C-alpha atoms as a PDB file:
ATOM      1  CA  MET A   1      62.368  54.582 154.619  1.00  0.00           C
ATOM      2  CA  ALA A   2      65.889  53.200 154.712  1.00  0.00           C
ATOM      3  CA  GLN A   3      66.470  49.537 155.389  1.00  0.00           C
ATOM      4  CA  SER A   4      67.438  48.812 158.999  1.00  0.00           C
ATOM      5  CA  PHE A   5      71.081  48.063 159.685  1.00  0.00           C
ATOM      6  CA  ALA A   6      70.196  44.603 160.992  1.00  0.00           C
ATOM      7  CA  ARG A   7      68.137  43.698 157.924  1.00  0.00           C
ATOM      8  CA  TRP A   8      70.939  44.948 155.646  1.00  0.00           C
ATOM      9  CA  LEU A   9      73.441  42.884 157.629  1.00  0.00           C
ATOM     10  CA  ILE A  10      71.381  39.702 157.293  1.00  0.00           C
ATOM     11  CA  ARG A  11      71.296  40.231 153.519  1.00  0.00           C
ATOM     12  CA  GLN A  12      75.109  40.016 153.509  1.00  0.00           C
ATOM     13  CA  ALA A  13      75.061  36.297 154.399  1.00  0.00           C
ATOM     14  CA  SER A  14      76.323  35.217 150.976  1.00  0.00           C
ATOM     15  CA  ARG A  15      79.599  37.091 151.465  1.00  0.00           C
ATOM     16  CA  GLU A  16      82.764  35.102 152.058  1.00  0.00           C
ATOM     17  CA  ASP A  17      84.258  37.425 154.654  1.00  0.00           C
ATOM     18  CA  ALA A  18      83.834  38.325 158.325  1.00  0.00           C
ATOM     19  CA  ILE A  19      80.715  40.397 157.607  1.00  0.00           C
ATOM     20  CA  GLY A  20      79.207  37.401 155.823  1.00  0.00           C
ATOM     21  CA  ALA A  21      80.020  35.156 158.770  1.00  0.00           C
ATOM     22  CA  LEU A  22      78.378  37.624 161.165  1.00  0.00           C
ATOM     23  CA  ALA A  23      75.342  37.779 158.881  1.00  0.00           C
ATOM     24  CA  LYS A  24      75.035  33.980 158.862  1.00  0.00           C
ATOM     25  CA  ASP A  25      75.177  33.950 162.667  1.00  0.00           C
ATOM     26  CA  ALA A  26      72.552  36.694 162.813  1.00  0.00           C
ATOM     27  CA  LYS A  27      70.201  34.706 160.563  1.00  0.00           C
ATOM     28  CA  ARG A  28      70.455  31.724 162.927  1.00  0.00           C
ATOM     29  CA  ASP A  29      69.955  33.766 166.108  1.00  0.00           C
ATOM     30  CA  PRO A  30      66.256  33.818 167.071  1.00  0.00           C
ATOM     31  CA  GLY A  31      66.908  36.797 169.365  1.00  0.00           C
ATOM     32  CA  PHE A  32      68.631  38.915 166.736  1.00  0.00           C
ATOM     33  CA  PRO A  33      66.905  42.323 166.397  1.00  0.00           C
ATOM     34  CA  LYS A  34      66.027  42.019 162.707  1.00  0.00           C
ATOM     35  CA  GLU A  35      64.719  45.570 162.458  1.00  0.00           C
ATOM     36  CA  GLY A  36      67.346  46.996 164.794  1.00  0.00           C
ATOM     37  CA  ASP A  37      69.861  49.744 164.331  1.00  0.00           C
ATOM     38  CA  VAL A  38      73.597  49.375 164.914  1.00  0.00           C
ATOM     39  CA  GLU A  39      73.240  49.870 168.653  1.00  0.00           C
ATOM     40  CA  ALA A  40      70.534  47.191 168.881  1.00  0.00           C
ATOM     41  CA  VAL A  41      72.893  44.765 167.149  1.00  0.00           C
ATOM     42  CA  ARG A  42      75.712  45.679 169.550  1.00  0.00           C
ATOM     43  CA  ARG A  43      73.356  45.194 172.533  1.00  0.00           C
ATOM     44  CA  ARG A  44      72.444  41.724 171.269  1.00  0.00           C
ATOM     45  CA  LEU A  45      76.103  40.824 170.853  1.00  0.00           C
ATOM     46  CA  ARG A  46      76.774  41.939 174.437  1.00  0.00           C
ATOM     47  CA  GLU A  47      73.814  39.839 175.633  1.00  0.00           C
ATOM     48  CA  ILE A  48      75.246  36.701 174.042  1.00  0.00           C
ATOM     49  CA  GLN A  49      78.783  37.629 175.175  1.00  0.00           C
ATOM     50  CA  ALA A  50      80.243  37.781 171.684  1.00  0.00           C
ATOM     51  CA  GLU A  51      84.000  38.018 171.318  1.00  0.00           C
ATOM     52  CA  GLY A  52      85.543  41.461 171.028  1.00  0.00           C
ATOM     53  CA  GLU A  53      86.565  40.969 167.400  1.00  0.00           C
ATOM     54  CA  THR A  54      82.886  40.585 166.514  1.00  0.00           C
ATOM     55  CA  PHE A  55      82.350  44.217 167.486  1.00  0.00           C
ATOM     56  CA  ALA A  56      85.105  45.251 165.053  1.00  0.00           C
ATOM     57  CA  VAL A  57      83.198  43.403 162.320  1.00  0.00           C
ATOM     58  CA  VAL A  58      80.064  45.359 163.256  1.00  0.00           C
ATOM     59  CA  ASP A  59      82.095  48.570 162.946  1.00  0.00           C
ATOM     60  CA  ASP A  60      83.268  47.512 159.470  1.00  0.00           C
ATOM     61  CA  ALA A  61      79.720  46.607 158.459  1.00  0.00           C
ATOM     62  CA  GLU A  62      78.417  49.950 159.707  1.00  0.00           C
ATOM     63  CA  MET A  63      80.919  51.722 157.464  1.00  0.00           C
ATOM     64  CA  GLU A  64      79.628  49.749 154.436  1.00  0.00           C
ATOM     65  CA  TRP A  65      75.932  50.055 155.292  1.00  0.00           C
ATOM     66  CA  PRO A  66      74.311  52.432 152.791  1.00  0.00           C
ATOM     67  CA  GLY A  67      71.960  53.756 155.475  1.00  0.00           C
ATOM     68  CA  GLY A  68      74.788  54.842 157.758  1.00  0.00           C
END
């Protein structure tokens, strides 16, 4: 079974770019859907009223995600 998008994203925390920054935030968020798909991550970002540019980072991450 492929790794969930959210779990893949969290593993990107060592990156020094916007995806890495999002991953670091995700690791610190107790409500982050760690086994979630892309839509679950977007729902969580809407719940916490993330800035619009954060959604663009999710789009970029989705394009890099090997499971996508």
